[in-house]
Amino acid sequence: MRLFTLTTALALSLALPGFAQDADKPGVGKDPVRVIMPAQIEEHFHHYILLRALQELGYETAEPAEAEYQTMHIAIGGGDADFTANHWHALHAAFYEESGGAAVMTRVGALIEGALQGYLVDKASYDAGITDISMLKDPEIAKRFDADGDGKADLVGCTPGWGCERVIEHHLTEYGLRDTVTHNQGAYQAIIGDAIARHQNGEPILYYTWTPYWVSGVLVPGKDVEWLSVPYTSLPEGNNDVNTTIDGKNVGFAVETVGVLARNDFLDANPAAKKLFEVAKIPINDVSAQALEITNGANTDEAIWASADKWIADHRETFDGWLAEARAAAQ
């Protein structure tokens, strides 16, 4: 009888107005959420927006961890993190499978859509007729982009561990470029900075980049540089049915969706967080604009958090819509 009375009292208390806040904060009492982000600070902004949403849902959020892309996937697959908001569906497919795949984690939502990758050259070179990466098989054409005097084209490439290096290395072999093109790898920000300086001096440049990122706000496609085409689609895992076309031009990399990758056990225990990840979307141009702010000096953690808070304030109706759907999912 006493058990019945306590149970009934608890049920009645949950219906009282004073307990309405619990419905607004379904994350209260849950384990702290563990996010893992890329070490590149340009990738933190969209994570911070999601963390603010989780906090408004009542979740505690642990201090974000940072790692390179392959290591992020390993951490999630191994149970050392709950989610990342920087999983590229096609580019990181191998990392996903190698880290446990669908048995332990799930791709959730489409946070950023229309992300691009590819090779670009300065507009003067493009207008001179160098429009396809395979043209660099010609040693005389390749020499145009020789920055170190060895007779080979110098390609600003991809940092090891990011995933894009696998595609570039595959392309060098597939398109017959091994003898004429050097894939320069290292700290991307440093080597692209050198290319930008050479472009400012009127020298030809050849580089890989992606969007959303700040580079295309400095070297503007169609104005300063142009995307190169490839002769045909060829990707390392053989998944060549993906869309690799930008404005009718085959750029050789999948047009991407960047979304959340989360552990299955976390999603099962947190339906509000799962729904948030499903419905949240951030325009790609907003992410690129914030990355440009970073390269212009707003490069502290405090500045990036401030940018995330400003974005939320400017898009409050949209943000509140995410929260409403997340709360409903927890009922």
C-alpha atoms as a PDB file:
ATOM      1  CA  MET A   1       0.000   0.000   0.000  1.00  0.00           C
ATOM      2  CA  ARG A   2       2.823   2.372   0.842  1.00  0.00           C
ATOM      3  CA  LEU A   3       4.547   1.518  -2.463  1.00  0.00           C
ATOM      4  CA  PHE A   4       1.338   2.294  -4.333  1.00  0.00           C
ATOM      5  CA  THR A   5       1.010   5.617  -2.535  1.00  0.00           C
ATOM      6  CA  LEU A   6       4.588   6.665  -3.342  1.00  0.00           C
ATOM      7  CA  THR A   7       4.237   5.644  -6.937  1.00  0.00           C
ATOM      8  CA  THR A   8       0.963   7.513  -7.280  1.00  0.00           C
ATOM      9  CA  ALA A   9       2.442  10.588  -5.635  1.00  0.00           C
ATOM     10  CA  LEU A  10       5.380  10.532  -8.010  1.00  0.00           C
ATOM     11  CA  ALA A  11       3.107  10.260 -11.025  1.00  0.00           C
ATOM     12  CA  LEU A  12       1.012  13.147  -9.803  1.00  0.00           C
ATOM     13  CA  SER A  13       4.060  15.286  -9.073  1.00  0.00           C
ATOM     14  CA  LEU A  14       5.371  14.860 -12.608  1.00  0.00           C
ATOM     15  CA  ALA A  15       2.125  16.322 -13.880  1.00  0.00           C
ATOM     16  CA  LEU A  16       2.453  19.501 -11.846  1.00  0.00           C
ATOM     17  CA  PRO A  17       3.566  22.783 -13.470  1.00  0.00           C
ATOM     18  CA  GLY A  18       6.777  22.858 -11.455  1.00  0.00           C
ATOM     19  CA  PHE A  19       8.006  19.787 -13.291  1.00  0.00           C
ATOM     20  CA  ALA A  20       7.370  21.170 -16.796  1.00  0.00           C
ATOM     21  CA  GLN A  21      11.048  22.024 -17.132  1.00  0.00           C
ATOM     22  CA  ASP A  22      11.924  18.314 -17.245  1.00  0.00           C
ATOM     23  CA  ALA A  23      10.147  17.998 -20.583  1.00  0.00           C
ATOM     24  CA  ASP A  24      12.203  20.902 -21.885  1.00  0.00           C
ATOM     25  CA  LYS A  25      15.453  19.338 -20.662  1.00  0.00           C
ATOM     26  CA  PRO A  26      15.387  15.629 -21.486  1.00  0.00           C
ATOM     27  CA  GLY A  27      19.157  15.465 -21.084  1.00  0.00           C
ATOM     28  CA  VAL A  28      19.077  16.136 -17.345  1.00  0.00           C
ATOM     29  CA  GLY A  29      20.516  13.196 -15.419  1.00  0.00           C
ATOM     30  CA  LYS A  30      22.131  11.619 -18.485  1.00  0.00           C
ATOM     31  CA  ASP A  31      25.839  10.915 -18.769  1.00  0.00           C
ATOM     32  CA  PRO A  32      27.918  13.852 -20.053  1.00  0.00           C
ATOM     33  CA  VAL A  33      28.053  13.906 -23.860  1.00  0.00           C
ATOM     34  CA  ARG A  34      31.539  13.278 -25.258  1.00  0.00           C
ATOM     35  CA  VAL A  35      32.210  14.971 -28.593  1.00  0.00           C
ATOM     36  CA  ILE A  36      35.360  14.509 -30.654  1.00  0.00           C
ATOM     37  CA  MET A  37      36.325  17.118 -33.257  1.00  0.00           C
ATOM     38  CA  PRO A  38      39.065  17.513 -35.853  1.00  0.00           C
ATOM     39  CA  ALA A  39      42.216  19.232 -34.656  1.00  0.00           C
ATOM     40  CA  GLN A  40      41.645  21.865 -37.362  1.00  0.00           C
ATOM     41  CA  ILE A  41      39.907  24.766 -35.617  1.00  0.00           C
ATOM     42  CA  GLU A  42      37.979  25.627 -38.776  1.00  0.00           C
ATOM     43  CA  GLU A  43      35.897  22.503 -38.073  1.00  0.00           C
ATOM     44  CA  HIS A  44      34.866  23.477 -34.521  1.00  0.00           C
ATOM     45  CA  PHE A  45      32.125  26.020 -35.259  1.00  0.00           C
ATOM     46  CA  HIS A  46      29.388  23.573 -36.239  1.00  0.00           C
ATOM     47  CA  HIS A  47      30.269  21.285 -33.324  1.00  0.00           C
ATOM     48  CA  TYR A  48      29.810  24.201 -30.935  1.00  0.00           C
ATOM     49  CA  ILE A  49      26.363  24.970 -32.342  1.00  0.00           C
ATOM     50  CA  LEU A  50      25.290  21.374 -31.666  1.00  0.00           C
ATOM     51  CA  LEU A  51      26.852  21.470 -28.201  1.00  0.00           C
ATOM     52  CA  ARG A  52      24.850  24.592 -27.363  1.00  0.00           C
ATOM     53  CA  ALA A  53      21.689  22.790 -28.503  1.00  0.00           C
ATOM     54  CA  LEU A  54      22.512  19.790 -26.322  1.00  0.00           C
ATOM     55  CA  GLN A  55      23.132  22.103 -23.370  1.00  0.00           C
ATOM     56  CA  GLU A  56      19.745  23.771 -23.878  1.00  0.00           C
ATOM     57  CA  LEU A  57      18.235  20.287 -23.827  1.00  0.00           C
ATOM     58  CA  GLY A  58      19.726  19.775 -20.390  1.00  0.00           C
ATOM     59  CA  TYR A  59      22.750  17.688 -21.280  1.00  0.00           C
ATOM     60  CA  GLU A  60      26.102  18.138 -19.653  1.00  0.00           C
ATOM     61  CA  THR A  61      28.802  18.259 -22.331  1.00  0.00           C
ATOM     62  CA  ALA A  62      32.329  17.094 -21.655  1.00  0.00           C
ATOM     63  CA  GLU A  63      35.328  19.126 -22.772  1.00  0.00           C
ATOM     64  CA  PRO A  64      35.629  18.441 -26.531  1.00  0.00           C
ATOM     65  CA  ALA A  65      38.407  16.075 -27.558  1.00  0.00           C
ATOM     66  CA  GLU A  66      40.429  16.654 -30.727  1.00  0.00           C
ATOM     67  CA  ALA A  67      42.048  14.218 -33.151  1.00  0.00           C
ATOM     68  CA  GLU A  68      42.746  13.710 -36.830  1.00  0.00           C
ATOM     69  CA  TYR A  69      39.911  12.279 -38.884  1.00  0.00           C
ATOM     70  CA  GLN A  70      40.901   8.620 -38.901  1.00  0.00           C
ATOM     71  CA  THR A  71      41.555   8.698 -35.150  1.00  0.00           C
ATOM     72  CA  MET A  72      38.147  10.324 -34.545  1.00  0.00           C
ATOM     73  CA  HIS A  73      36.453   7.360 -36.164  1.00  0.00           C
ATOM     74  CA  ILE A  74      38.533   4.904 -34.164  1.00  0.00           C
ATOM     75  CA  ALA A  75      37.620   6.729 -30.930  1.00  0.00           C
ATOM     76  CA  ILE A  76      33.891   6.557 -31.671  1.00  0.00           C
ATOM     77  CA  GLY A  77      34.065   2.932 -32.761  1.00  0.00           C
ATOM     78  CA  GLY A  78      36.045   2.027 -29.645  1.00  0.00           C
ATOM     79  CA  GLY A  79      33.732   3.783 -27.205  1.00  0.00           C
ATOM     80  CA  ASP A  80      36.036   6.678 -26.314  1.00  0.00           C
ATOM     81  CA  ALA A  81      33.663   9.326 -27.754  1.00  0.00           C
ATOM     82  CA  ASP A  82      29.928   9.575 -28.409  1.00  0.00           C
ATOM     83  CA  PHE A  83      29.833  11.576 -31.629  1.00  0.00           C
ATOM     84  CA  THR A  84      31.510  13.848 -34.135  1.00  0.00           C
ATOM     85  CA  ALA A  85      29.820  16.352 -36.443  1.00  0.00           C
ATOM     86  CA  ASN A  86      32.490  16.078 -39.129  1.00  0.00           C
ATOM     87  CA  HIS A  87      31.920  12.751 -40.853  1.00  0.00           C
ATOM     88  CA  TRP A  88      32.108  13.065 -44.654  1.00  0.00           C
ATOM     89  CA  HIS A  89      29.852  10.311 -45.958  1.00  0.00           C
ATOM     90  CA  ALA A  90      31.896   9.316 -49.014  1.00  0.00           C
ATOM     91  CA  LEU A  91      35.392  10.517 -48.119  1.00  0.00           C
ATOM     92  CA  HIS A  92      35.372   8.863 -44.690  1.00  0.00           C
ATOM     93  CA  ALA A  93      33.576   5.669 -45.729  1.00  0.00           C
ATOM     94  CA  ALA A  94      36.741   3.599 -45.306  1.00  0.00           C
ATOM     95  CA  PHE A  95      37.400   5.073 -41.848  1.00  0.00           C
ATOM     96  CA  TYR A  96      33.798   4.231 -40.909  1.00  0.00           C
ATOM     97  CA  GLU A  97      34.073   0.601 -41.991  1.00  0.00           C
ATOM     98  CA  GLU A  98      37.551   0.133 -40.515  1.00  0.00           C
ATOM     99  CA  SER A  99      36.339   1.426 -37.124  1.00  0.00           C
ATOM    100  CA  GLY A 100      33.397  -0.944 -36.737  1.00  0.00           C
ATOM    101  CA  GLY A 101      30.805   0.380 -39.170  1.00  0.00           C
ATOM    102  CA  ALA A 102      27.071  -0.058 -38.664  1.00  0.00           C
ATOM    103  CA  ALA A 103      27.539  -2.562 -35.851  1.00  0.00           C
ATOM    104  CA  VAL A 104      28.651   0.185 -33.472  1.00  0.00           C
ATOM    105  CA  MET A 105      27.836   3.568 -35.036  1.00  0.00           C
ATOM    106  CA  THR A 106      25.376   5.379 -37.288  1.00  0.00           C
ATOM    107  CA  ARG A 107      25.503   8.292 -39.717  1.00  0.00           C
ATOM    108  CA  VAL A 108      22.794  10.676 -38.524  1.00  0.00           C
ATOM    109  CA  GLY A 109      21.409  13.576 -40.513  1.00  0.00           C
ATOM    110  CA  ALA A 110      22.899  15.903 -43.092  1.00  0.00           C
ATOM    111  CA  LEU A 111      24.320  18.822 -41.105  1.00  0.00           C
ATOM    112  CA  ILE A 112      26.176  20.411 -44.040  1.00  0.00           C
ATOM    113  CA  GLU A 113      25.185  19.632 -47.623  1.00  0.00           C
ATOM    114  CA  GLY A 114      26.963  20.302 -50.908  1.00  0.00           C
ATOM    115  CA  ALA A 115      30.546  20.089 -49.618  1.00  0.00           C
ATOM    116  CA  LEU A 116      33.048  20.065 -52.489  1.00  0.00           C
ATOM    117  CA  GLN A 117      36.613  18.877 -53.074  1.00  0.00           C
ATOM    118  CA  GLY A 118      38.905  18.995 -56.029  1.00  0.00           C
ATOM    119  CA  TYR A 119      41.937  20.395 -57.830  1.00  0.00           C
ATOM    120  CA  LEU A 120      42.299  24.018 -58.868  1.00  0.00           C
ATOM    121  CA  VAL A 121      44.736  26.129 -60.870  1.00  0.00           C
ATOM    122  CA  ASP A 122      45.201  29.855 -61.226  1.00  0.00           C
ATOM    123  CA  LYS A 123      42.840  31.420 -63.763  1.00  0.00           C
ATOM    124  CA  ALA A 124      45.648  32.416 -66.149  1.00  0.00           C
ATOM    125  CA  SER A 125      46.713  28.776 -66.476  1.00  0.00           C
ATOM    126  CA  TYR A 126      43.118  27.657 -66.938  1.00  0.00           C
ATOM    127  CA  ASP A 127      42.475  30.307 -69.586  1.00  0.00           C
ATOM    128  CA  ALA A 128      45.662  29.170 -71.328  1.00  0.00           C
ATOM    129  CA  GLY A 129      43.982  25.787 -71.845  1.00  0.00           C
ATOM    130  CA  ILE A 130      44.968  23.735 -68.784  1.00  0.00           C
ATOM    131  CA  THR A 131      41.524  22.522 -67.803  1.00  0.00           C
ATOM    132  CA  ASP A 132      41.936  18.822 -66.896  1.00  0.00           C
ATOM    133  CA  ILE A 133      44.259  17.249 -64.328  1.00  0.00           C
ATOM    134  CA  SER A 134      45.279  14.559 -66.827  1.00  0.00           C
ATOM    135  CA  MET A 135      46.930  17.220 -69.009  1.00  0.00           C
ATOM    136  CA  LEU A 136      49.734  17.295 -66.432  1.00  0.00           C
ATOM    137  CA  LYS A 137      51.002  14.017 -67.883  1.00  0.00           C
ATOM    138  CA  ASP A 138      52.729  16.275 -70.389  1.00  0.00           C
ATOM    139  CA  PRO A 139      56.075  17.213 -68.757  1.00  0.00           C
ATOM    140  CA  GLU A 140      56.070  20.625 -70.420  1.00  0.00           C
ATOM    141  CA  ILE A 141      52.661  21.470 -68.973  1.00  0.00           C
ATOM    142  CA  ALA A 142      53.650  20.070 -65.571  1.00  0.00           C
ATOM    143  CA  LYS A 143      56.720  22.344 -65.464  1.00  0.00           C
ATOM    144  CA  ARG A 144      54.432  25.355 -65.402  1.00  0.00           C
ATOM    145  CA  PHE A 145      53.585  24.444 -61.794  1.00  0.00           C
ATOM    146  CA  ASP A 146      57.128  23.553 -60.707  1.00  0.00           C
ATOM    147  CA  ALA A 147      57.772  25.498 -57.501  1.00  0.00           C
ATOM    148  CA  ASP A 148      61.018  23.839 -56.392  1.00  0.00           C
ATOM    149  CA  GLY A 149      62.936  23.438 -59.649  1.00  0.00           C
ATOM    150  CA  ASP A 150      62.804  19.646 -59.998  1.00  0.00           C
ATOM    151  CA  GLY A 151      60.831  19.783 -63.261  1.00  0.00           C
ATOM    152  CA  LYS A 152      57.639  18.297 -61.785  1.00  0.00           C
ATOM    153  CA  ALA A 153      54.372  20.033 -60.945  1.00  0.00           C
ATOM    154  CA  ASP A 154      53.986  20.775 -57.245  1.00  0.00           C
ATOM    155  CA  LEU A 155      50.486  19.956 -56.030  1.00  0.00           C
ATOM    156  CA  VAL A 156      49.401  21.383 -52.682  1.00  0.00           C
ATOM    157  CA  GLY A 157      47.840  18.207 -51.387  1.00  0.00           C
ATOM    158  CA  CYS A 158      46.225  16.609 -48.379  1.00  0.00           C
ATOM    159  CA  THR A 159      47.513  16.062 -44.863  1.00  0.00           C
ATOM    160  CA  PRO A 160      48.010  12.346 -44.077  1.00  0.00           C
ATOM    161  CA  GLY A 161      45.142  10.932 -42.042  1.00  0.00           C
ATOM    162  CA  TRP A 162      42.446  13.193 -43.456  1.00  0.00           C
ATOM    163  CA  GLY A 163      41.129  10.760 -46.078  1.00  0.00           C
ATOM    164  CA  CYS A 164      41.613  13.029 -49.102  1.00  0.00           C
ATOM    165  CA  GLU A 165      45.209  11.827 -49.381  1.00  0.00           C
ATOM    166  CA  ARG A 166      43.923   8.371 -50.335  1.00  0.00           C
ATOM    167  CA  VAL A 167      41.934   9.831 -53.228  1.00  0.00           C
ATOM    168  CA  ILE A 168      44.816  11.997 -54.451  1.00  0.00           C
ATOM    169  CA  GLU A 169      47.290   9.123 -54.319  1.00  0.00           C
ATOM    170  CA  HIS A 170      44.819   6.957 -56.233  1.00  0.00           C
ATOM    171  CA  HIS A 171      44.357   9.677 -58.864  1.00  0.00           C
ATOM    172  CA  LEU A 172      48.098  10.094 -59.395  1.00  0.00           C
ATOM    173  CA  THR A 173      48.301   6.448 -60.400  1.00  0.00           C
ATOM    174  CA  GLU A 174      44.955   6.177 -62.186  1.00  0.00           C
ATOM    175  CA  TYR A 175      45.512   9.250 -64.369  1.00  0.00           C
ATOM    176  CA  GLY A 176      49.190   8.521 -65.094  1.00  0.00           C
ATOM    177  CA  LEU A 177      50.636  11.475 -63.147  1.00  0.00           C
ATOM    178  CA  ARG A 178      53.295   9.766 -61.027  1.00  0.00           C
ATOM    179  CA  ASP A 179      56.213  10.879 -63.193  1.00  0.00           C
ATOM    180  CA  THR A 180      55.181  14.511 -63.557  1.00  0.00           C
ATOM    181  CA  VAL A 181      53.370  15.573 -60.349  1.00  0.00           C
ATOM    182  CA  THR A 182      54.613  15.731 -56.763  1.00  0.00           C
ATOM    183  CA  HIS A 183      51.956  15.426 -54.060  1.00  0.00           C
ATOM    184  CA  ASN A 184      53.173  17.834 -51.392  1.00  0.00           C
ATOM    185  CA  GLN A 185      51.837  16.880 -47.962  1.00  0.00           C
ATOM    186  CA  GLY A 186      52.280  18.482 -44.588  1.00  0.00           C
ATOM    187  CA  ALA A 187      50.520  21.110 -42.511  1.00  0.00           C
ATOM    188  CA  TYR A 188      47.866  22.181 -45.015  1.00  0.00           C
ATOM    189  CA  GLN A 189      47.582  25.728 -43.707  1.00  0.00           C
ATOM    190  CA  ALA A 190      51.307  26.256 -44.270  1.00  0.00           C
ATOM    191  CA  ILE A 191      51.537  24.817 -47.764  1.00  0.00           C
ATOM    192  CA  ILE A 192      48.359  26.508 -49.014  1.00  0.00           C
ATOM    193  CA  GLY A 193      49.672  29.752 -47.540  1.00  0.00           C
ATOM    194  CA  ASP A 194      52.782  29.390 -49.685  1.00  0.00           C
ATOM    195  CA  ALA A 195      50.618  28.807 -52.769  1.00  0.00           C
ATOM    196  CA  ILE A 196      48.555  31.919 -52.018  1.00  0.00           C
ATOM    197  CA  ALA A 197      51.752  33.961 -51.731  1.00  0.00           C
ATOM    198  CA  ARG A 198      52.953  32.640 -55.088  1.00  0.00           C
ATOM    199  CA  HIS A 199      49.615  33.484 -56.664  1.00  0.00           C
ATOM    200  CA  GLN A 200      49.894  37.032 -55.322  1.00  0.00           C
ATOM    201  CA  ASN A 201      53.288  37.224 -57.048  1.00  0.00           C
ATOM    202  CA  GLY A 202      51.693  36.227 -60.346  1.00  0.00           C
ATOM    203  CA  GLU A 203      53.025  32.650 -60.359  1.00  0.00           C
ATOM    204  CA  PRO A 204      51.008  29.603 -61.479  1.00  0.00           C
ATOM    205  CA  ILE A 205      49.610  27.403 -58.696  1.00  0.00           C
ATOM    206  CA  LEU A 206      48.089  23.927 -58.479  1.00  0.00           C
ATOM    207  CA  TYR A 207      46.297  22.825 -55.330  1.00  0.00           C
ATOM    208  CA  TYR A 208      43.686  20.627 -53.704  1.00  0.00           C
ATOM    209  CA  THR A 209      41.050  22.185 -51.462  1.00  0.00           C
ATOM    210  CA  TRP A 210      37.527  21.697 -50.199  1.00  0.00           C
ATOM    211  CA  THR A 211      34.462  23.632 -49.130  1.00  0.00           C
ATOM    212  CA  PRO A 212      33.359  24.641 -46.579  1.00  0.00           C
ATOM    213  CA  TYR A 213      36.743  26.243 -45.940  1.00  0.00           C
ATOM    214  CA  TRP A 214      38.295  29.698 -46.068  1.00  0.00           C
ATOM    215  CA  VAL A 215      40.584  29.125 -49.057  1.00  0.00           C
ATOM    216  CA  SER A 216      37.808  29.658 -51.598  1.00  0.00           C
ATOM    217  CA  GLY A 217      37.081  33.010 -49.993  1.00  0.00           C
ATOM    218  CA  VAL A 218      40.675  34.100 -50.721  1.00  0.00           C
ATOM    219  CA  LEU A 219      41.240  32.292 -54.030  1.00  0.00           C
ATOM    220  CA  VAL A 220      37.764  32.701 -55.488  1.00  0.00           C
ATOM    221  CA  PRO A 221      36.744  30.120 -58.127  1.00  0.00           C
ATOM    222  CA  GLY A 222      35.753  31.853 -61.352  1.00  0.00           C
ATOM    223  CA  LYS A 223      37.744  34.945 -60.454  1.00  0.00           C
ATOM    224  CA  ASP A 224      41.208  33.969 -59.202  1.00  0.00           C
ATOM    225  CA  VAL A 225      41.216  30.227 -59.882  1.00  0.00           C
ATOM    226  CA  GLU A 226      39.227  27.493 -61.615  1.00  0.00           C
ATOM    227  CA  TRP A 227      38.334  23.898 -60.771  1.00  0.00           C
ATOM    228  CA  LEU A 228      40.063  21.306 -62.962  1.00  0.00           C
ATOM    229  CA  SER A 229      38.137  18.407 -64.412  1.00  0.00           C
ATOM    230  CA  VAL A 230      39.234  14.779 -64.395  1.00  0.00           C
ATOM    231  CA  PRO A 231      38.979  12.430 -67.390  1.00  0.00           C
ATOM    232  CA  TYR A 232      36.559  10.094 -65.574  1.00  0.00           C
ATOM    233  CA  THR A 233      35.452   9.243 -62.042  1.00  0.00           C
ATOM    234  CA  SER A 234      37.745   6.836 -60.187  1.00  0.00           C
ATOM    235  CA  LEU A 235      37.732   6.556 -56.399  1.00  0.00           C
ATOM    236  CA  PRO A 236      39.871   4.286 -54.212  1.00  0.00           C
ATOM    237  CA  GLU A 237      37.086   1.998 -52.980  1.00  0.00           C
ATOM    238  CA  GLY A 238      35.614   1.675 -56.483  1.00  0.00           C
ATOM    239  CA  ASN A 239      32.363   3.450 -55.521  1.00  0.00           C
ATOM    240  CA  ASN A 240      32.239   5.381 -58.768  1.00  0.00           C
ATOM    241  CA  ASP A 241      28.466   5.839 -58.911  1.00  0.00           C
ATOM    242  CA  VAL A 242      28.534   8.890 -56.615  1.00  0.00           C
ATOM    243  CA  ASN A 243      27.990  12.400 -57.970  1.00  0.00           C
ATOM    244  CA  THR A 244      31.360  14.034 -58.722  1.00  0.00           C
ATOM    245  CA  THR A 245      30.021  16.830 -60.913  1.00  0.00           C
ATOM    246  CA  ILE A 246      30.057  20.585 -60.193  1.00  0.00           C
ATOM    247  CA  ASP A 247      28.220  22.754 -62.723  1.00  0.00           C
ATOM    248  CA  GLY A 248      28.629  20.101 -65.395  1.00  0.00           C
ATOM    249  CA  LYS A 249      32.329  19.524 -64.637  1.00  0.00           C
ATOM    250  CA  ASN A 250      33.605  16.207 -63.255  1.00  0.00           C
ATOM    251  CA  VAL A 251      35.998  17.208 -60.462  1.00  0.00           C
ATOM    252  CA  GLY A 252      36.823  13.650 -59.393  1.00  0.00           C
ATOM    253  CA  PHE A 253      35.636  13.861 -55.769  1.00  0.00           C
ATOM    254  CA  ALA A 254      32.143  13.136 -54.481  1.00  0.00           C
ATOM    255  CA  VAL A 255      29.865  16.092 -53.827  1.00  0.00           C
ATOM    256  CA  GLU A 256      29.520  15.493 -50.121  1.00  0.00           C
ATOM    257  CA  THR A 257      27.227  15.439 -47.148  1.00  0.00           C
ATOM    258  CA  VAL A 258      28.901  16.196 -43.828  1.00  0.00           C
ATOM    259  CA  GLY A 259      26.962  14.930 -40.853  1.00  0.00           C
ATOM    260  CA  VAL A 260      27.015  13.459 -37.391  1.00  0.00           C
ATOM    261  CA  LEU A 261      28.535  10.067 -36.731  1.00  0.00           C
ATOM    262  CA  ALA A 262      27.433   8.711 -33.352  1.00  0.00           C
ATOM    263  CA  ARG A 263      27.661   5.538 -31.344  1.00  0.00           C
ATOM    264  CA  ASN A 264      24.571   3.339 -31.529  1.00  0.00           C
ATOM    265  CA  ASP A 265      24.364   2.898 -27.759  1.00  0.00           C
ATOM    266  CA  PHE A 266      24.446   6.677 -27.282  1.00  0.00           C
ATOM    267  CA  LEU A 267      21.649   7.202 -29.832  1.00  0.00           C
ATOM    268  CA  ASP A 268      19.533   4.465 -28.272  1.00  0.00           C
ATOM    269  CA  ALA A 269      19.856   6.031 -24.813  1.00  0.00           C
ATOM    270  CA  ASN A 270      19.294   9.593 -26.028  1.00  0.00           C
ATOM    271  CA  PRO A 271      16.369   9.959 -28.447  1.00  0.00           C
ATOM    272  CA  ALA A 272      16.399  13.753 -28.019  1.00  0.00           C
ATOM    273  CA  ALA A 273      20.029  13.972 -29.123  1.00  0.00           C
ATOM    274  CA  LYS A 274      19.357  11.588 -32.005  1.00  0.00           C
ATOM    275  CA  LYS A 275      16.486  13.743 -33.269  1.00  0.00           C
ATOM    276  CA  LEU A 276      18.593  16.896 -32.910  1.00  0.00           C
ATOM    277  CA  PHE A 277      21.295  15.328 -35.072  1.00  0.00           C
ATOM    278  CA  GLU A 278      18.689  14.273 -37.634  1.00  0.00           C
ATOM    279  CA  VAL A 279      17.105  17.704 -38.092  1.00  0.00           C
ATOM    280  CA  ALA A 280      19.980  20.173 -37.579  1.00  0.00           C
ATOM    281  CA  LYS A 281      21.267  21.836 -40.757  1.00  0.00           C
ATOM    282  CA  ILE A 282      23.794  24.647 -41.161  1.00  0.00           C
ATOM    283  CA  PRO A 283      24.239  26.393 -44.544  1.00  0.00           C
ATOM    284  CA  ILE A 284      27.613  25.622 -46.069  1.00  0.00           C
ATOM    285  CA  ASN A 285      28.292  29.290 -46.795  1.00  0.00           C
ATOM    286  CA  ASP A 286      27.905  30.089 -43.085  1.00  0.00           C
ATOM    287  CA  VAL A 287      30.565  27.519 -42.219  1.00  0.00           C
ATOM    288  CA  SER A 288      32.935  28.857 -44.878  1.00  0.00           C
ATOM    289  CA  ALA A 289      32.367  32.451 -43.715  1.00  0.00           C
ATOM    290  CA  GLN A 290      33.254  31.531 -40.141  1.00  0.00           C
ATOM    291  CA  ALA A 291      36.407  29.741 -41.344  1.00  0.00           C
ATOM    292  CA  LEU A 292      37.406  32.952 -43.138  1.00  0.00           C
ATOM    293  CA  GLU A 293      36.908  34.849 -39.870  1.00  0.00           C
ATOM    294  CA  ILE A 294      39.420  32.475 -38.299  1.00  0.00           C
ATOM    295  CA  THR A 295      42.079  33.115 -40.920  1.00  0.00           C
ATOM    296  CA  ASN A 296      41.445  36.855 -40.520  1.00  0.00           C
ATOM    297  CA  GLY A 297      42.315  36.652 -36.829  1.00  0.00           C
ATOM    298  CA  ALA A 298      39.297  35.339 -34.913  1.00  0.00           C
ATOM    299  CA  ASN A 299      41.257  32.189 -34.168  1.00  0.00           C
ATOM    300  CA  THR A 300      40.788  31.622 -30.460  1.00  0.00           C
ATOM    301  CA  ASP A 301      38.430  29.136 -28.884  1.00  0.00           C
ATOM    302  CA  GLU A 302      36.537  32.013 -27.279  1.00  0.00           C
ATOM    303  CA  ALA A 303      36.087  33.704 -30.660  1.00  0.00           C
ATOM    304  CA  ILE A 304      34.730  30.539 -32.245  1.00  0.00           C
ATOM    305  CA  TRP A 305      32.279  30.004 -29.383  1.00  0.00           C
ATOM    306  CA  ALA A 306      31.198  33.636 -29.830  1.00  0.00           C
ATOM    307  CA  SER A 307      30.627  32.987 -33.549  1.00  0.00           C
ATOM    308  CA  ALA A 308      28.510  29.940 -32.708  1.00  0.00           C
ATOM    309  CA  ASP A 309      26.440  31.931 -30.211  1.00  0.00           C
ATOM    310  CA  LYS A 310      25.948  34.728 -32.729  1.00  0.00           C
ATOM    311  CA  TRP A 311      24.810  32.235 -35.362  1.00  0.00           C
ATOM    312  CA  ILE A 312      22.275  30.832 -32.903  1.00  0.00           C
ATOM    313  CA  ALA A 313      21.009  34.309 -32.043  1.00  0.00           C
ATOM    314  CA  ASP A 314      20.667  35.160 -35.743  1.00  0.00           C
ATOM    315  CA  HIS A 315      18.833  31.891 -36.466  1.00  0.00           C
ATOM    316  CA  ARG A 316      16.916  31.501 -33.231  1.00  0.00           C
ATOM    317  CA  GLU A 317      13.654  30.406 -34.830  1.00  0.00           C
ATOM    318  CA  THR A 318      15.413  27.643 -36.752  1.00  0.00           C
ATOM    319  CA  PHE A 319      17.408  26.616 -33.679  1.00  0.00           C
ATOM    320  CA  ASP A 320      14.273  26.510 -31.508  1.00  0.00           C
ATOM    321  CA  GLY A 321      12.643  24.321 -34.147  1.00  0.00           C
ATOM    322  CA  TRP A 322      15.441  21.774 -33.727  1.00  0.00           C
ATOM    323  CA  LEU A 323      14.941  21.824 -29.958  1.00  0.00           C
ATOM    324  CA  ALA A 324      11.185  21.367 -30.262  1.00  0.00           C
ATOM    325  CA  GLU A 325      11.594  18.271 -32.406  1.00  0.00           C
ATOM    326  CA  ALA A 326      14.247  16.895 -30.076  1.00  0.00           C
ATOM    327  CA  ARG A 327      12.008  17.375 -27.013  1.00  0.00           C
ATOM    328  CA  ALA A 328       9.077  15.732 -28.749  1.00  0.00           C
ATOM    329  CA  ALA A 329      11.232  12.720 -29.587  1.00  0.00           C
ATOM    330  CA  ALA A 330      12.044  12.239 -25.909  1.00  0.00           C
ATOM    331  CA  GLN A 331       8.399  12.010 -24.825  1.00  0.00           C
END
